[in-house]
């Protein structure tokens, strides 16, 4: 999976008026960014403001999304960092299952 495939999956998974109503940005460093806007029901690679930004290495994100790495453990080990509203990041669990 690459960033373009992930963005397409995120666009399918996020629906306007769905459960997730915030903006979250995944920052994969040099690979790029994924901005999920729950209110608008869109996903893009824009570097816009978000309620929470999750910084994680692309390879670690792939491991988390496939279940090879636990997100909580990645956070505890410093491999995943959350800036902004931590509660937004906590709401991502159901959405992450759709992105796997």
PDB file of N, CA and C in Angstrom:
ATOM      1  N   UNK A   1       0.845  -1.178   0.000  1.00  0.00           N
ATOM      2  CA  UNK A   1       0.000   0.000   0.000  1.00  0.00           C
ATOM      3  C   UNK A   1       0.890   1.241   0.000  1.00  0.00           C
ATOM      4  N   UNK A   2       0.484   2.242  -0.776  1.00  0.00           N
ATOM      5  CA  UNK A   2       1.191   3.523  -0.762  1.00  0.00           C
ATOM      6  C   UNK A   2       0.217   4.618  -0.334  1.00  0.00           C
ATOM      7  N   UNK A   3       0.701   5.842  -0.283  1.00  0.00           N
ATOM      8  CA  UNK A   3      -0.112   6.955   0.210  1.00  0.00           C
ATOM      9  C   UNK A   3      -1.345   7.189  -0.667  1.00  0.00           C
ATOM     10  N   UNK A   4      -1.209   7.048  -1.974  1.00  0.00           N
ATOM     11  CA  UNK A   4      -2.350   7.257  -2.877  1.00  0.00           C
ATOM     12  C   UNK A   4      -3.444   6.223  -2.600  1.00  0.00           C
ATOM     13  N   UNK A   5      -3.051   4.966  -2.392  1.00  0.00           N
ATOM     14  CA  UNK A   5      -4.028   3.912  -2.084  1.00  0.00           C
ATOM     15  C   UNK A   5      -4.699   4.173  -0.738  1.00  0.00           C
ATOM     16  N   UNK A   6      -3.912   4.606   0.250  1.00  0.00           N
ATOM     17  CA  UNK A   6      -4.461   4.906   1.568  1.00  0.00           C
ATOM     18  C   UNK A   6      -5.449   6.059   1.490  1.00  0.00           C
ATOM     19  N   UNK A   7      -5.122   7.085   0.725  1.00  0.00           N
ATOM     20  CA  UNK A   7      -6.010   8.233   0.569  1.00  0.00           C
ATOM     21  C   UNK A   7      -7.325   7.803  -0.081  1.00  0.00           C
ATOM     22  N   UNK A   8      -7.256   6.946  -1.089  1.00  0.00           N
ATOM     23  CA  UNK A   8      -8.470   6.443  -1.742  1.00  0.00           C
ATOM     24  C   UNK A   8      -9.315   5.640  -0.761  1.00  0.00           C
ATOM     25  N   UNK A   9      -8.675   4.771   0.027  1.00  0.00           N
ATOM     26  CA  UNK A   9      -9.402   3.989   1.036  1.00  0.00           C
ATOM     27  C   UNK A   9     -10.051   4.895   2.070  1.00  0.00           C
ATOM     28  N   UNK A  10      -9.322   5.921   2.493  1.00  0.00           N
ATOM     29  CA  UNK A  10      -9.848   6.858   3.491  1.00  0.00           C
ATOM     30  C   UNK A  10     -11.061   7.598   2.943  1.00  0.00           C
ATOM     31  N   UNK A  11     -11.029   7.958   1.666  1.00  0.00           N
ATOM     32  CA  UNK A  11     -12.168   8.639   1.042  1.00  0.00           C
ATOM     33  C   UNK A  11     -13.404   7.749   1.043  1.00  0.00           C
ATOM     34  N   UNK A  12     -13.205   6.442   0.861  1.00  0.00           N
ATOM     35  CA  UNK A  12     -14.323   5.493   0.890  1.00  0.00           C
ATOM     36  C   UNK A  12     -14.829   5.284   2.314  1.00  0.00           C
ATOM     37  N   UNK A  13     -13.918   5.299   3.273  1.00  0.00           N
ATOM     38  CA  UNK A  13     -14.268   4.986   4.663  1.00  0.00           C
ATOM     39  C   UNK A  13     -14.951   6.136   5.391  1.00  0.00           C
ATOM     40  N   UNK A  14     -14.617   7.368   5.013  1.00  0.00           N
ATOM     41  CA  UNK A  14     -15.152   8.542   5.708  1.00  0.00           C
ATOM     42  C   UNK A  14     -16.408   9.015   4.988  1.00  0.00           C
ATOM     43  N   UNK A  15     -17.469   9.210   5.751  1.00  0.00           N
ATOM     44  CA  UNK A  15     -18.703   9.711   5.161  1.00  0.00           C
ATOM     45  C   UNK A  15     -19.163  10.942   5.926  1.00  0.00           C
ATOM     46  N   UNK A  16     -19.652  11.908   5.192  1.00  0.00           N
ATOM     47  CA  UNK A  16     -20.178  13.115   5.821  1.00  0.00           C
ATOM     48  C   UNK A  16     -21.349  12.724   6.709  1.00  0.00           C
ATOM     49  N   UNK A  17     -21.370  13.259   7.914  1.00  0.00           N
ATOM     50  CA  UNK A  17     -22.440  12.930   8.844  1.00  0.00           C
ATOM     51  C   UNK A  17     -22.249  11.594   9.540  1.00  0.00           C
ATOM     52  N   UNK A  18     -21.072  10.963   9.357  1.00  0.00           N
ATOM     53  CA  UNK A  18     -20.794   9.690  10.004  1.00  0.00           C
ATOM     54  C   UNK A  18     -20.414   9.881  11.466  1.00  0.00           C
ATOM     55  N   UNK A  19     -19.888   8.840  12.066  1.00  0.00           N
ATOM     56  CA  UNK A  19     -19.513   8.869  13.477  1.00  0.00           C
ATOM     57  C   UNK A  19     -18.347   9.824  13.755  1.00  0.00           C
ATOM     58  N   UNK A  20     -17.396   9.885  12.842  1.00  0.00           N
ATOM     59  CA  UNK A  20     -16.200  10.690  13.044  1.00  0.00           C
ATOM     60  C   UNK A  20     -16.432  12.095  12.507  1.00  0.00           C
ATOM     61  N   UNK A  21     -16.420  13.113  13.371  1.00  0.00           N
ATOM     62  CA  UNK A  21     -16.787  14.469  12.975  1.00  0.00           C
ATOM     63  C   UNK A  21     -15.649  15.489  13.165  1.00  0.00           C
ATOM     64  N   UNK A  22     -14.442  15.025  13.210  1.00  0.00           N
ATOM     65  CA  UNK A  22     -13.295  15.916  13.442  1.00  0.00           C
ATOM     66  C   UNK A  22     -12.354  15.882  12.241  1.00  0.00           C
ATOM     67  N   UNK A  23     -11.305  16.714  12.318  1.00  0.00           N
ATOM     68  CA  UNK A  23     -10.243  16.696  11.314  1.00  0.00           C
ATOM     69  C   UNK A  23      -9.000  16.121  11.970  1.00  0.00           C
ATOM     70  N   UNK A  24      -8.418  15.138  11.313  1.00  0.00           N
ATOM     71  CA  UNK A  24      -7.172  14.562  11.809  1.00  0.00           C
ATOM     72  C   UNK A  24      -6.189  14.466  10.652  1.00  0.00           C
ATOM     73  N   UNK A  25      -4.941  14.786  10.964  1.00  0.00           N
ATOM     74  CA  UNK A  25      -3.904  14.731   9.939  1.00  0.00           C
ATOM     75  C   UNK A  25      -2.862  13.703  10.355  1.00  0.00           C
ATOM     76  N   UNK A  26      -2.541  12.817   9.431  1.00  0.00           N
ATOM     77  CA  UNK A  26      -1.438  11.880   9.626  1.00  0.00           C
ATOM     78  C   UNK A  26      -0.234  12.467   8.911  1.00  0.00           C
ATOM     79  N   UNK A  27       0.867  12.626   9.624  1.00  0.00           N
ATOM     80  CA  UNK A  27       2.096  13.157   9.059  1.00  0.00           C
ATOM     81  C   UNK A  27       3.087  12.000   8.960  1.00  0.00           C
ATOM     82  N   UNK A  28       3.352  11.571   7.731  1.00  0.00           N
ATOM     83  CA  UNK A  28       4.254  10.438   7.492  1.00  0.00           C
ATOM     84  C   UNK A  28       5.651  10.897   7.129  1.00  0.00           C
ATOM     85  N   UNK A  29       6.001  12.123   7.482  1.00  0.00           N
ATOM     86  CA  UNK A  29       7.337  12.650   7.179  1.00  0.00           C
ATOM     87  C   UNK A  29       7.505  12.865   5.689  1.00  0.00           C
ATOM     88  N   UNK A  30       8.590  12.340   5.132  1.00  0.00           N
ATOM     89  CA  UNK A  30       8.903  12.567   3.720  1.00  0.00           C
ATOM     90  C   UNK A  30       7.920  11.871   2.776  1.00  0.00           C
ATOM     91  N   UNK A  31       7.156  10.904   3.262  1.00  0.00           N
ATOM     92  CA  UNK A  31       6.183  10.200   2.420  1.00  0.00           C
ATOM     93  C   UNK A  31       4.998  11.100   2.085  1.00  0.00           C
ATOM     94  N   UNK A  32       4.621  11.969   3.019  1.00  0.00           N
ATOM     95  CA  UNK A  32       3.509  12.883   2.781  1.00  0.00           C
ATOM     96  C   UNK A  32       2.542  12.928   3.946  1.00  0.00           C
ATOM     97  N   UNK A  33       1.356  13.471   3.682  1.00  0.00           N
ATOM     98  CA  UNK A  33       0.355  13.647   4.726  1.00  0.00           C
ATOM     99  C   UNK A  33      -0.992  13.134   4.249  1.00  0.00           C
ATOM    100  N   UNK A  34      -1.821  12.757   5.203  1.00  0.00           N
ATOM    101  CA  UNK A  34      -3.201  12.363   4.930  1.00  0.00           C
ATOM    102  C   UNK A  34      -4.086  13.157   5.876  1.00  0.00           C
ATOM    103  N   UNK A  35      -4.978  13.970   5.317  1.00  0.00           N
ATOM    104  CA  UNK A  35      -5.907  14.766   6.110  1.00  0.00           C
ATOM    105  C   UNK A  35      -7.295  14.165   5.950  1.00  0.00           C
ATOM    106  N   UNK A  36      -7.879  13.748   7.072  1.00  0.00           N
ATOM    107  CA  UNK A  36      -9.235  13.203   7.073  1.00  0.00           C
ATOM    108  C   UNK A  36     -10.153  14.228   7.718  1.00  0.00           C
ATOM    109  N   UNK A  37     -11.150  14.665   6.965  1.00  0.00           N
ATOM    110  CA  UNK A  37     -12.123  15.645   7.438  1.00  0.00           C
ATOM    111  C   UNK A  37     -13.456  14.930   7.617  1.00  0.00           C
ATOM    112  N   UNK A  38     -13.757  14.581   8.858  1.00  0.00           N
ATOM    113  CA  UNK A  38     -14.975  13.828   9.151  1.00  0.00           C
ATOM    114  C   UNK A  38     -16.248  14.605   8.887  1.00  0.00           C
ATOM    115  N   UNK A  39     -16.241  15.907   9.105  1.00  0.00           N
ATOM    116  CA  UNK A  39     -17.444  16.721   8.864  1.00  0.00           C
ATOM    117  C   UNK A  39     -17.778  16.761   7.376  1.00  0.00           C
ATOM    118  N   UNK A  40     -16.769  16.941   6.548  1.00  0.00           N
ATOM    119  CA  UNK A  40     -16.986  17.017   5.099  1.00  0.00           C
ATOM    120  C   UNK A  40     -17.062  15.630   4.460  1.00  0.00           C
ATOM    121  N   UNK A  41     -16.554  14.611   5.179  1.00  0.00           N
ATOM    122  CA  UNK A  41     -16.543  13.257   4.628  1.00  0.00           C
ATOM    123  C   UNK A  41     -15.523  13.098   3.515  1.00  0.00           C
ATOM    124  N   UNK A  42     -14.367  13.757   3.676  1.00  0.00           N
ATOM    125  CA  UNK A  42     -13.336  13.695   2.644  1.00  0.00           C
ATOM    126  C   UNK A  42     -11.978  13.345   3.237  1.00  0.00           C
ATOM    127  N   UNK A  43     -11.110  12.896   2.360  1.00  0.00           N
ATOM    128  CA  UNK A  43      -9.712  12.647   2.719  1.00  0.00           C
ATOM    129  C   UNK A  43      -8.861  13.189   1.585  1.00  0.00           C
ATOM    130  N   UNK A  44      -7.751  13.818   1.942  1.00  0.00           N
ATOM    131  CA  UNK A  44      -6.860  14.386   0.927  1.00  0.00           C
ATOM    132  C   UNK A  44      -5.431  14.353   1.466  1.00  0.00           C
ATOM    133  N   UNK A  45      -4.527  14.842   0.656  1.00  0.00           N
ATOM    134  CA  UNK A  45      -3.129  14.911   1.073  1.00  0.00           C
ATOM    135  C   UNK A  45      -2.734  16.342   1.414  1.00  0.00           C
ATOM    136  N   UNK A  46      -3.728  17.170   1.745  1.00  0.00           N
ATOM    137  CA  UNK A  46      -3.491  18.573   2.095  1.00  0.00           C
ATOM    138  C   UNK A  46      -2.785  18.680   3.450  1.00  0.00           C
ATOM    139  N   UNK A  47      -2.061  19.764   3.605  1.00  0.00           N
ATOM    140  CA  UNK A  47      -1.360  20.032   4.862  1.00  0.00           C
ATOM    141  C   UNK A  47      -2.103  21.135   5.619  1.00  0.00           C
ATOM    142  N   UNK A  48      -3.424  20.967   5.754  1.00  0.00           N
ATOM    143  CA  UNK A  48      -4.267  21.954   6.416  1.00  0.00           C
ATOM    144  C   UNK A  48      -4.293  21.740   7.923  1.00  0.00           C
ATOM    145  N   UNK A  49      -4.868  22.698   8.632  1.00  0.00           N
ATOM    146  CA  UNK A  49      -5.010  22.595  10.087  1.00  0.00           C
ATOM    147  C   UNK A  49      -5.950  21.441  10.429  1.00  0.00           C
ATOM    148  N   UNK A  50      -5.693  20.811  11.569  1.00  0.00           N
ATOM    149  CA  UNK A  50      -6.514  19.680  12.011  1.00  0.00           C
ATOM    150  C   UNK A  50      -6.692  19.747  13.520  1.00  0.00           C
ATOM    151  N   UNK A  51      -7.706  19.050  14.030  1.00  0.00           N
ATOM    152  CA  UNK A  51      -7.923  18.982  15.474  1.00  0.00           C
ATOM    153  C   UNK A  51      -6.797  18.209  16.157  1.00  0.00           C
ATOM    154  N   UNK A  52      -6.259  17.229  15.442  1.00  0.00           N
ATOM    155  CA  UNK A  52      -5.131  16.446  15.960  1.00  0.00           C
ATOM    156  C   UNK A  52      -4.236  16.046  14.799  1.00  0.00           C
ATOM    157  N   UNK A  53      -2.946  16.023  15.053  1.00  0.00           N
ATOM    158  CA  UNK A  53      -1.969  15.556  14.070  1.00  0.00           C
ATOM    159  C   UNK A  53      -1.254  14.355  14.654  1.00  0.00           C
ATOM    160  N   UNK A  54      -1.229  13.282  13.888  1.00  0.00           N
ATOM    161  CA  UNK A  54      -0.553  12.063  14.315  1.00  0.00           C
ATOM    162  C   UNK A  54       0.703  11.916  13.467  1.00  0.00           C
ATOM    163  N   UNK A  55       1.842  11.967  14.141  1.00  0.00           N
ATOM    164  CA  UNK A  55       3.121  11.816  13.453  1.00  0.00           C
ATOM    165  C   UNK A  55       3.603  10.384  13.639  1.00  0.00           C
ATOM    166  N   UNK A  56       3.791   9.716  12.526  1.00  0.00           N
ATOM    167  CA  UNK A  56       4.225   8.321  12.571  1.00  0.00           C
ATOM    168  C   UNK A  56       4.971   8.004  11.275  1.00  0.00           C
ATOM    169  N   UNK A  57       6.008   7.199  11.378  1.00  0.00           N
ATOM    170  CA  UNK A  57       6.757   6.746  10.219  1.00  0.00           C
ATOM    171  C   UNK A  57       5.834   5.874   9.358  1.00  0.00           C
ATOM    172  N   UNK A  58       5.952   5.991   8.035  1.00  0.00           N
ATOM    173  CA  UNK A  58       5.070   5.254   7.122  1.00  0.00           C
ATOM    174  C   UNK A  58       5.113   3.747   7.401  1.00  0.00           C
ATOM    175  N   UNK A  59       6.303   3.184   7.556  1.00  0.00           N
ATOM    176  CA  UNK A  59       6.426   1.742   7.790  1.00  0.00           C
ATOM    177  C   UNK A  59       5.724   1.333   9.085  1.00  0.00           C
ATOM    178  N   UNK A  60       5.844   2.158  10.120  1.00  0.00           N
ATOM    179  CA  UNK A  60       5.163   1.855  11.384  1.00  0.00           C
ATOM    180  C   UNK A  60       3.651   1.969  11.222  1.00  0.00           C
ATOM    181  N   UNK A  61       3.181   2.942  10.433  1.00  0.00           N
ATOM    182  CA  UNK A  61       1.743   3.070  10.191  1.00  0.00           C
ATOM    183  C   UNK A  61       1.204   1.823   9.502  1.00  0.00           C
ATOM    184  N   UNK A  62       1.936   1.325   8.521  1.00  0.00           N
ATOM    185  CA  UNK A  62       1.511   0.112   7.812  1.00  0.00           C
ATOM    186  C   UNK A  62       1.425  -1.055   8.792  1.00  0.00           C
ATOM    187  N   UNK A  63       2.398  -1.170   9.676  1.00  0.00           N
ATOM    188  CA  UNK A  63       2.373  -2.241  10.682  1.00  0.00           C
ATOM    189  C   UNK A  63       1.175  -2.093  11.610  1.00  0.00           C
ATOM    190  N   UNK A  64       0.871  -0.865  12.020  1.00  0.00           N
ATOM    191  CA  UNK A  64      -0.277  -0.629  12.899  1.00  0.00           C
ATOM    192  C   UNK A  64      -1.572  -0.970  12.174  1.00  0.00           C
ATOM    193  N   UNK A  65      -1.698  -0.527  10.928  1.00  0.00           N
ATOM    194  CA  UNK A  65      -2.944  -0.746  10.195  1.00  0.00           C
ATOM    195  C   UNK A  65      -3.175  -2.212   9.839  1.00  0.00           C
ATOM    196  N   UNK A  66      -2.103  -3.010   9.767  1.00  0.00           N
ATOM    197  CA  UNK A  66      -2.267  -4.431   9.471  1.00  0.00           C
ATOM    198  C   UNK A  66      -2.323  -5.291  10.734  1.00  0.00           C
ATOM    199  N   UNK A  67      -2.162  -4.641  11.891  1.00  0.00           N
ATOM    200  CA  UNK A  67      -2.222  -5.378  13.145  1.00  0.00           C
ATOM    201  C   UNK A  67      -0.892  -5.961  13.585  1.00  0.00           C
ATOM    202  N   UNK A  68       0.177  -5.702  12.836  1.00  0.00           N
ATOM    203  CA  UNK A  68       1.493  -6.216  13.200  1.00  0.00           C
ATOM    204  C   UNK A  68       2.114  -5.431  14.359  1.00  0.00           C
ATOM    205  N   UNK A  69       1.594  -4.215  14.597  1.00  0.00           N
ATOM    206  CA  UNK A  69       2.076  -3.398  15.703  1.00  0.00           C
ATOM    207  C   UNK A  69       0.861  -2.784  16.400  1.00  0.00           C
ATOM    208  N   UNK A  70       0.890  -2.764  17.717  1.00  0.00           N
ATOM    209  CA  UNK A  70      -0.193  -2.187  18.495  1.00  0.00           C
ATOM    210  C   UNK A  70      -0.006  -0.668  18.580  1.00  0.00           C
ATOM    211  N   UNK A  71      -1.059   0.079  18.287  1.00  0.00           N
ATOM    212  CA  UNK A  71      -0.972   1.544  18.292  1.00  0.00           C
ATOM    213  C   UNK A  71      -0.609   2.086  19.673  1.00  0.00           C
ATOM    214  N   UNK A  72      -1.146   1.496  20.726  1.00  0.00           N
ATOM    215  CA  UNK A  72      -0.833   1.955  22.081  1.00  0.00           C
ATOM    216  C   UNK A  72       0.642   1.741  22.391  1.00  0.00           C
ATOM    217  N   UNK A  73       1.163   0.583  22.005  1.00  0.00           N
ATOM    218  CA  UNK A  73       2.587   0.307  22.231  1.00  0.00           C
ATOM    219  C   UNK A  73       3.459   1.267  21.401  1.00  0.00           C
ATOM    220  N   UNK A  74       3.038   1.539  20.171  1.00  0.00           N
ATOM    221  CA  UNK A  74       3.790   2.467  19.325  1.00  0.00           C
ATOM    222  C   UNK A  74       3.823   3.845  19.973  1.00  0.00           C
ATOM    223  N   UNK A  75       2.706   4.257  20.566  1.00  0.00           N
ATOM    224  CA  UNK A  75       2.636   5.542  21.259  1.00  0.00           C
ATOM    225  C   UNK A  75       3.570   5.541  22.468  1.00  0.00           C
ATOM    226  N   UNK A  76       3.523   4.474  23.248  1.00  0.00           N
ATOM    227  CA  UNK A  76       4.348   4.376  24.460  1.00  0.00           C
ATOM    228  C   UNK A  76       5.836   4.352  24.122  1.00  0.00           C
ATOM    229  N   UNK A  77       6.179   3.784  22.970  1.00  0.00           N
ATOM    230  CA  UNK A  77       7.576   3.694  22.555  1.00  0.00           C
ATOM    231  C   UNK A  77       8.048   4.945  21.812  1.00  0.00           C
ATOM    232  N   UNK A  78       7.141   5.903  21.601  1.00  0.00           N
ATOM    233  CA  UNK A  78       7.508   7.132  20.917  1.00  0.00           C
ATOM    234  C   UNK A  78       7.515   7.016  19.405  1.00  0.00           C
ATOM    235  N   UNK A  79       7.011   5.910  18.874  1.00  0.00           N
ATOM    236  CA  UNK A  79       6.969   5.728  17.424  1.00  0.00           C
ATOM    237  C   UNK A  79       5.765   6.429  16.813  1.00  0.00           C
ATOM    238  N   UNK A  80       4.791   6.765  17.643  1.00  0.00           N
ATOM    239  CA  UNK A  80       3.590   7.457  17.216  1.00  0.00           C
ATOM    240  C   UNK A  80       3.389   8.618  18.178  1.00  0.00           C
ATOM    241  N   UNK A  81       3.284   9.828  17.626  1.00  0.00           N
ATOM    242  CA  UNK A  81       3.123  11.017  18.465  1.00  0.00           C
ATOM    243  C   UNK A  81       1.845  11.736  18.078  1.00  0.00           C
ATOM    244  N   UNK A  82       1.132  12.246  19.071  1.00  0.00           N
ATOM    245  CA  UNK A  82      -0.115  12.966  18.831  1.00  0.00           C
ATOM    246  C   UNK A  82       0.053  14.408  19.272  1.00  0.00           C
ATOM    247  N   UNK A  83      -0.236  15.330  18.366  1.00  0.00           N
ATOM    248  CA  UNK A  83      -0.229  16.756  18.687  1.00  0.00           C
ATOM    249  C   UNK A  83      -1.667  17.250  18.572  1.00  0.00           C
ATOM    250  N   UNK A  84      -2.086  18.057  19.528  1.00  0.00           N
ATOM    251  CA  UNK A  84      -3.452  18.570  19.502  1.00  0.00           C
ATOM    252  C   UNK A  84      -4.361  17.770  20.420  1.00  0.00           C
ATOM    253  N   UNK A  85      -5.589  17.600  20.014  1.00  0.00           N
ATOM    254  CA  UNK A  85      -6.626  16.968  20.829  1.00  0.00           C
ATOM    255  C   UNK A  85      -6.468  15.442  20.852  1.00  0.00           C
ATOM    256  N   UNK A  86      -5.987  14.927  21.978  1.00  0.00           N
ATOM    257  CA  UNK A  86      -5.762  13.488  22.117  1.00  0.00           C
ATOM    258  C   UNK A  86      -7.064  12.698  21.969  1.00  0.00           C
ATOM    259  N   UNK A  87      -8.191  13.269  22.379  1.00  0.00           N
ATOM    260  CA  UNK A  87      -9.460  12.541  22.290  1.00  0.00           C
ATOM    261  C   UNK A  87      -9.838  12.261  20.837  1.00  0.00           C
ATOM    262  N   UNK A  88      -9.404  13.120  19.908  1.00  0.00           N
ATOM    263  CA  UNK A  88      -9.671  12.890  18.488  1.00  0.00           C
ATOM    264  C   UNK A  88      -8.936  11.632  18.033  1.00  0.00           C
ATOM    265  N   UNK A  89      -7.698  11.504  18.456  1.00  0.00           N
ATOM    266  CA  UNK A  89      -6.918  10.321  18.098  1.00  0.00           C
ATOM    267  C   UNK A  89      -7.562   9.051  18.655  1.00  0.00           C
ATOM    268  N   UNK A  90      -8.135   9.149  19.850  1.00  0.00           N
ATOM    269  CA  UNK A  90      -8.773   7.983  20.472  1.00  0.00           C
ATOM    270  C   UNK A  90     -10.015   7.556  19.687  1.00  0.00           C
ATOM    271  N   UNK A  91     -10.655   8.472  18.981  1.00  0.00           N
ATOM    272  CA  UNK A  91     -11.853   8.162  18.205  1.00  0.00           C
ATOM    273  C   UNK A  91     -11.547   7.462  16.888  1.00  0.00           C
ATOM    274  N   UNK A  92     -10.292   7.326  16.556  1.00  0.00           N
ATOM    275  CA  UNK A  92      -9.899   6.780  15.255  1.00  0.00           C
ATOM    276  C   UNK A  92      -9.964   5.266  15.150  1.00  0.00           C
ATOM    277  N   UNK A  93     -10.162   4.567  16.245  1.00  0.00           N
ATOM    278  CA  UNK A  93     -10.089   3.108  16.203  1.00  0.00           C
ATOM    279  C   UNK A  93     -11.017   2.485  15.173  1.00  0.00           C
ATOM    280  N   UNK A  94     -12.270   2.901  15.138  1.00  0.00           N
ATOM    281  CA  UNK A  94     -13.205   2.294  14.188  1.00  0.00           C
ATOM    282  C   UNK A  94     -12.827   2.664  12.746  1.00  0.00           C
ATOM    283  N   UNK A  95     -12.348   3.878  12.559  1.00  0.00           N
ATOM    284  CA  UNK A  95     -11.934   4.306  11.221  1.00  0.00           C
ATOM    285  C   UNK A  95     -10.686   3.541  10.766  1.00  0.00           C
ATOM    286  N   UNK A  96      -9.759   3.310  11.665  1.00  0.00           N
ATOM    287  CA  UNK A  96      -8.534   2.588  11.330  1.00  0.00           C
ATOM    288  C   UNK A  96      -8.830   1.180  10.817  1.00  0.00           C
ATOM    289  N   UNK A  97      -9.851   0.538  11.365  1.00  0.00           N
ATOM    290  CA  UNK A  97     -10.225  -0.807  10.915  1.00  0.00           C
ATOM    291  C   UNK A  97     -10.644  -0.778   9.448  1.00  0.00           C
ATOM    292  N   UNK A  98     -11.269   0.314   9.022  1.00  0.00           N
ATOM    293  CA  UNK A  98     -11.696   0.435   7.627  1.00  0.00           C
ATOM    294  C   UNK A  98     -10.527   0.709   6.698  1.00  0.00           C
ATOM    295  N   UNK A  99      -9.446   1.266   7.233  1.00  0.00           N
ATOM    296  CA  UNK A  99      -8.283   1.589   6.414  1.00  0.00           C
ATOM    297  C   UNK A  99      -7.327   0.416   6.243  1.00  0.00           C
ATOM    298  N   UNK A 100      -7.480  -0.597   7.059  1.00  0.00           N
ATOM    299  CA  UNK A 100      -6.570  -1.755   7.022  1.00  0.00           C
ATOM    300  C   UNK A 100      -6.731  -2.545   5.741  1.00  0.00           C
TER     301      UNK A 100
END
